[in-house]
Amino acid sequence: MVKYHLGFRELEIEIKKIFGKLTSEIIKNTKARNLILTGGDVALGVCEELKIYSMNILDELLPGIPLAIANYKNYKLNIVTKAGGFGKEDTLHVSTHVSLRKACDLVKKERVLTVIHLADKALKNLGVKDPKIAVSGLNPHAGEGGLFGREEIEEIIPAIKQARKVGINVEGPIPPDTIFSKVIGGQYDIAVAMYHDQGHIPMKITGFKYNKDTNKWSTMSGVNVTVGLPIIRTSVDHGVAFGKAGEGRANEESMVQAIEMAIQFIR
């Protein structure tokens, strides 16, 4: 950055352009018609370079991960975009990047059951022989027997019962304000959270530490793992931090952990 006399904004723009030009060449040489763009800034930069200024949303592959179609020159491109993360390896979410209002509507038996199965499989792939899975409630006190909502009674508990029938070691619904203390204490191996902030806040409280004296993050511990894919996919549990590029002050802790986590899945 110093060598080429680029400021933060100029460097960010150049990085976006590079991604865009690389993508353009790949499309030209391979006639690819499908793009998967991860990272909001990267997706924006690629689309700008390809002169794609609008998309039509076709479907939502997963909460917060849309499938869209866009016009590119004389043909159509299918584009999947993903920004943000899904939590650490010991937290899985029933929903992620949707409004809190919609997240409540997405708490359905079938979805909760799917995430329980994913949690069980993920930990077994990491070498945990009999994973102990904790499922969080959606409402305060896990609904208090229907007093604060019926999602636990009508959706979450039936999913837990069905998972137990196939031999999965799962308990819940556990009140959201105590479930993570129990996971950290070792009573459970993994928590199934009902929505984004329910899982992300406790994980980042324990994994991220900010030092007010240095005005920096002293610790940024966390791994973003996407389970249920035919490939191993891990990444850092934070943003791309273009503003820190070239300064030597970006924290590599989460990146190292992501690589180590991928190796664990291979083993």
Protein backbone atom coordinates (compact mmCIF):
# COMPACT_ATOMS: atom_id res chain seq x y z
CA MET A 1 0.00 0.00 0.00
CA VAL A 2 2.85 2.38 0.85
CA LYS A 3 4.84 1.39 -2.24
CA TYR A 4 2.04 2.31 -4.61
CA HIS A 5 0.85 5.26 -2.54
CA LEU A 6 -2.67 3.93 -2.15
CA GLY A 7 -5.01 4.96 0.61
CA PHE A 8 -7.45 2.57 2.28
CA ARG A 9 -10.32 3.40 -0.06
CA GLU A 10 -8.13 3.24 -3.17
CA LEU A 11 -6.74 -0.14 -2.09
CA GLU A 12 -10.23 -1.49 -1.47
CA ILE A 13 -11.33 -0.36 -4.93
CA GLU A 14 -8.29 -1.98 -6.57
CA ILE A 15 -8.91 -5.29 -4.78
CA LYS A 16 -12.53 -5.28 -5.94
CA LYS A 17 -11.44 -4.58 -9.50
CA ILE A 18 -8.95 -7.46 -9.42
CA PHE A 19 -11.67 -9.89 -8.30
CA GLY A 20 -13.95 -8.55 -11.00
CA LYS A 21 -11.34 -8.88 -13.76
CA LEU A 22 -10.41 -12.40 -12.67
CA THR A 23 -14.06 -13.41 -12.65
CA SER A 24 -14.59 -11.86 -16.08
CA GLU A 25 -11.67 -13.83 -17.51
CA ILE A 26 -12.87 -17.06 -15.95
CA ILE A 27 -16.34 -16.59 -17.43
CA LYS A 28 -14.84 -15.77 -20.82
CA ASN A 29 -12.51 -18.77 -20.92
CA THR A 30 -14.76 -21.39 -19.32
CA LYS A 31 -18.19 -20.15 -20.38
CA ALA A 32 -19.27 -20.50 -16.76
CA ARG A 33 -22.87 -19.57 -16.11
CA ASN A 34 -22.91 -19.92 -12.33
CA LEU A 35 -21.22 -17.70 -9.74
CA ILE A 36 -20.90 -18.12 -5.99
CA LEU A 37 -19.78 -14.84 -4.41
CA THR A 38 -18.80 -14.86 -0.75
CA GLY A 39 -18.29 -11.66 1.18
CA GLY A 40 -20.42 -8.57 0.65
CA ASP A 41 -17.59 -6.34 -0.57
CA VAL A 42 -16.29 -9.00 -2.94
CA ALA A 43 -19.77 -9.58 -4.40
CA LEU A 44 -20.24 -5.85 -4.87
CA GLY A 45 -16.86 -5.43 -6.52
CA VAL A 46 -17.36 -8.34 -8.91
CA CYS A 47 -20.82 -7.14 -9.94
CA GLU A 48 -19.54 -3.61 -10.51
CA GLU A 49 -16.71 -4.84 -12.71
CA LEU A 50 -19.09 -7.07 -14.69
CA LYS A 51 -21.52 -4.16 -14.96
CA ILE A 52 -24.26 -6.12 -13.22
CA TYR A 53 -26.42 -3.52 -11.53
CA SER A 54 -29.56 -5.53 -10.78
CA MET A 55 -30.59 -9.13 -10.13
CA ASN A 56 -33.85 -11.04 -9.94
CA ILE A 57 -34.11 -13.18 -6.81
CA LEU A 58 -35.23 -16.69 -7.76
CA ASP A 59 -35.03 -18.53 -4.45
CA GLU A 60 -33.45 -18.62 -0.98
CA LEU A 61 -31.14 -21.63 -0.78
CA LEU A 62 -30.65 -21.12 2.94
CA PRO A 63 -31.73 -18.24 5.19
CA GLY A 64 -29.73 -15.23 4.05
CA ILE A 65 -28.26 -16.98 0.97
CA PRO A 66 -30.24 -16.03 -2.14
CA LEU A 67 -30.09 -17.50 -5.63
CA ALA A 68 -30.48 -14.80 -8.26
CA ILE A 69 -30.29 -14.42 -12.02
CA ALA A 70 -28.62 -11.48 -13.76
CA ASN A 71 -28.05 -10.31 -17.31
CA TYR A 72 -24.42 -10.43 -18.41
CA LYS A 73 -23.71 -9.47 -22.00
CA ASN A 74 -25.84 -11.81 -24.12
CA TYR A 75 -26.74 -14.45 -21.57
CA LYS A 76 -27.95 -15.09 -18.05
CA LEU A 77 -25.81 -15.72 -14.99
CA ASN A 78 -26.99 -17.65 -11.97
CA ILE A 79 -25.51 -15.98 -8.89
CA VAL A 80 -25.42 -17.13 -5.28
CA THR A 81 -24.29 -14.48 -2.80
CA LYS A 82 -23.33 -14.97 0.81
CA ALA A 83 -22.25 -12.40 3.35
CA GLY A 84 -21.55 -12.93 7.00
CA GLY A 85 -21.18 -16.15 8.93
CA PHE A 86 -22.93 -19.06 10.60
CA GLY A 87 -21.20 -19.18 13.96
CA LYS A 88 -18.49 -21.30 15.51
CA GLU A 89 -18.16 -25.06 15.39
CA ASP A 90 -20.04 -25.52 18.67
CA THR A 91 -23.08 -23.50 17.67
CA LEU A 92 -25.50 -24.17 14.82
CA HIS A 93 -28.38 -21.90 13.89
CA VAL A 94 -31.92 -22.68 12.78
CA SER A 95 -31.91 -19.31 10.98
CA THR A 96 -29.21 -16.69 10.33
CA HIS A 97 -29.45 -13.53 8.23
CA VAL A 98 -33.13 -12.71 8.40
CA SER A 99 -35.11 -10.23 10.50
CA LEU A 100 -35.93 -11.26 14.04
CA ARG A 101 -39.61 -11.23 13.11
CA LYS A 102 -38.99 -13.68 10.25
CA ALA A 103 -36.63 -15.79 12.35
CA CYS A 104 -39.51 -16.60 14.70
CA ASP A 105 -41.60 -17.76 11.75
CA LEU A 106 -38.76 -20.02 10.56
CA VAL A 107 -38.73 -22.05 13.77
CA LYS A 108 -40.44 -25.13 12.36
CA LYS A 109 -40.17 -28.78 13.35
CA GLU A 110 -38.63 -29.87 10.03
CA ARG A 111 -35.95 -27.17 10.10
CA VAL A 112 -35.07 -27.73 13.76
CA LEU A 113 -34.81 -31.48 13.13
CA THR A 114 -32.53 -30.90 10.13
CA VAL A 115 -30.16 -28.74 12.18
CA ILE A 116 -30.07 -31.33 14.98
CA HIS A 117 -29.02 -33.97 12.44
CA LEU A 118 -26.38 -31.59 11.02
CA ALA A 119 -25.01 -30.93 14.50
CA ASP A 120 -24.79 -34.65 15.24
CA LYS A 121 -23.03 -35.41 11.94
CA ALA A 122 -20.62 -32.47 12.20
CA LEU A 123 -19.36 -33.44 15.64
CA LYS A 124 -19.04 -37.11 14.67
CA ASN A 125 -16.93 -35.99 11.70
CA LEU A 126 -14.72 -34.20 14.22
CA GLY A 127 -14.25 -37.41 16.19
CA VAL A 128 -16.86 -36.95 18.93
CA LYS A 129 -18.32 -40.45 19.33
CA ASP A 130 -21.61 -39.65 21.06
CA PRO A 131 -22.27 -35.92 20.77
CA LYS A 132 -24.39 -34.33 23.46
CA ILE A 133 -26.60 -31.79 21.73
CA ALA A 134 -28.45 -28.97 23.48
CA VAL A 135 -31.37 -27.29 21.71
CA SER A 136 -32.24 -23.77 22.74
CA GLY A 137 -35.73 -22.49 23.23
CA LEU A 138 -36.92 -19.52 21.22
CA ASN A 139 -38.76 -17.66 23.94
CA PRO A 140 -37.70 -16.51 27.44
CA HIS A 141 -37.53 -19.48 29.82
CA ALA A 142 -38.05 -21.71 26.75
CA GLY A 143 -41.68 -20.61 26.68
CA GLU A 144 -42.48 -21.53 30.30
CA GLY A 145 -44.91 -24.25 29.25
CA GLY A 146 -46.65 -22.06 26.69
CA LEU A 147 -46.91 -18.95 28.85
CA PHE A 148 -44.51 -16.94 26.64
CA GLY A 149 -45.19 -18.61 23.29
CA ARG A 150 -46.00 -22.00 21.81
CA GLU A 151 -43.04 -22.51 19.45
CA GLU A 152 -41.35 -24.82 21.94
CA ILE A 153 -44.46 -26.96 22.35
CA GLU A 154 -45.53 -27.10 18.72
CA GLU A 155 -42.22 -27.12 16.84
CA ILE A 156 -39.05 -27.57 18.92
CA ILE A 157 -40.08 -30.38 21.28
CA PRO A 158 -41.54 -32.54 18.47
CA ALA A 159 -38.27 -32.17 16.55
CA ILE A 160 -36.25 -33.22 19.61
CA LYS A 161 -38.47 -36.26 20.20
CA GLN A 162 -38.12 -37.37 16.60
CA ALA A 163 -34.32 -36.99 16.73
CA ARG A 164 -34.19 -39.15 19.85
CA LYS A 165 -36.08 -41.92 18.04
CA VAL A 166 -33.13 -42.36 15.68
CA GLY A 167 -30.62 -42.45 18.52
CA ILE A 168 -29.40 -38.85 18.64
CA ASN A 169 -28.36 -37.71 22.12
CA VAL A 170 -30.26 -34.43 22.30
CA GLU A 171 -31.92 -32.44 25.07
CA GLY A 172 -34.11 -29.36 25.21
CA PRO A 173 -35.54 -26.94 24.78
CA ILE A 174 -33.18 -25.25 27.20
CA PRO A 175 -33.71 -21.60 28.23
CA PRO A 176 -31.59 -19.37 25.95
CA ASP A 177 -30.04 -17.50 28.89
CA THR A 178 -28.42 -20.64 30.37
CA ILE A 179 -27.76 -22.98 27.45
CA PHE A 180 -24.37 -21.55 26.50
CA SER A 181 -23.05 -21.62 30.06
CA LYS A 182 -23.83 -25.33 30.05
CA VAL A 183 -22.05 -25.87 26.73
CA ILE A 184 -18.99 -23.96 27.92
CA GLY A 185 -19.04 -25.95 31.17
CA GLY A 186 -19.00 -29.24 29.28
CA GLN A 187 -22.52 -30.49 29.94
CA TYR A 188 -23.13 -30.42 26.17
CA ASP A 189 -20.88 -30.52 23.12
CA ILE A 190 -22.88 -28.22 20.89
CA ALA A 191 -25.82 -25.82 21.00
CA VAL A 192 -28.54 -25.45 18.41
CA ALA A 193 -29.58 -21.80 18.44
CA MET A 194 -32.86 -20.60 17.01
CA TYR A 195 -31.62 -17.44 15.31
CA HIS A 196 -28.53 -15.38 14.48
CA ASP A 197 -27.93 -13.22 17.54
CA GLN A 198 -29.02 -15.89 19.99
CA GLY A 199 -25.98 -17.90 18.92
CA HIS A 200 -23.55 -15.21 17.79
CA ILE A 201 -23.66 -12.92 20.82
CA PRO A 202 -22.49 -15.50 23.40
CA MET A 203 -19.89 -16.91 21.02
CA LYS A 204 -18.36 -13.50 20.32
CA ILE A 205 -18.50 -12.48 23.98
CA THR A 206 -16.33 -15.50 24.78
CA GLY A 207 -14.15 -15.37 21.64
CA PHE A 208 -13.67 -11.65 20.97
CA LYS A 209 -11.85 -9.39 23.42
CA TYR A 210 -11.43 -5.64 22.90
CA ASN A 211 -8.60 -3.68 24.53
CA LYS A 212 -9.61 -0.07 25.13
CA ASP A 213 -6.01 0.95 25.92
CA THR A 214 -4.68 -0.11 22.52
CA ASN A 215 -7.98 0.50 20.71
CA LYS A 216 -7.63 -2.95 19.13
CA TRP A 217 -9.09 -6.42 19.33
CA SER A 218 -6.62 -8.41 21.41
CA THR A 219 -8.44 -11.69 20.67
CA MET A 220 -10.66 -12.66 17.75
CA SER A 221 -11.32 -16.35 18.28
CA GLY A 222 -13.98 -18.06 16.22
CA VAL A 223 -14.53 -20.22 13.15
CA ASN A 224 -17.28 -19.97 10.57
CA VAL A 225 -18.23 -23.52 9.50
CA THR A 226 -20.84 -24.36 6.87
CA VAL A 227 -22.06 -27.91 7.47
CA GLY A 228 -24.19 -30.07 5.22
CA LEU A 229 -22.08 -29.41 2.10
CA PRO A 230 -20.28 -32.01 -0.04
CA ILE A 231 -17.04 -30.12 0.63
CA ILE A 232 -15.26 -28.88 3.75
CA ARG A 233 -15.84 -25.16 4.16
CA THR A 234 -14.42 -23.09 7.01
CA SER A 235 -13.51 -19.42 7.24
CA VAL A 236 -12.84 -16.61 9.68
CA ASP A 237 -15.72 -15.49 11.88
CA HIS A 238 -15.47 -11.80 11.00
CA GLY A 239 -15.47 -9.48 7.99
CA VAL A 240 -12.85 -8.99 5.27
CA ALA A 241 -11.28 -5.88 6.88
CA PHE A 242 -10.14 -4.21 3.66
CA GLY A 243 -9.38 -1.11 5.72
CA LYS A 244 -6.55 -2.97 7.48
CA ALA A 245 -4.99 -4.49 4.36
CA GLY A 246 -1.29 -3.75 3.99
CA GLU A 247 -0.89 -2.31 7.48
CA GLY A 248 0.20 -5.45 9.31
CA ARG A 249 -2.39 -4.99 12.05
CA ALA A 250 -5.11 -7.47 11.01
CA ASN A 251 -5.60 -10.25 13.56
CA GLU A 252 -4.82 -13.67 12.04
CA GLU A 253 -6.15 -15.72 14.97
CA SER A 254 -9.48 -16.67 13.41
CA MET A 255 -7.83 -17.56 10.09
CA VAL A 256 -5.41 -19.94 11.78
CA GLN A 257 -8.27 -21.55 13.68
CA ALA A 258 -10.30 -21.94 10.48
CA ILE A 259 -7.43 -23.78 8.79
CA GLU A 260 -6.95 -26.01 11.83
CA MET A 261 -10.68 -26.75 11.90
CA ALA A 262 -10.66 -27.78 8.23
CA ILE A 263 -7.76 -30.15 8.96
CA GLN A 264 -9.76 -31.70 11.81
CA PHE A 265 -12.63 -32.45 9.44
CA ILE A 266 -10.20 -34.13 7.02
CA ARG A 267 -8.86 -36.38 9.75
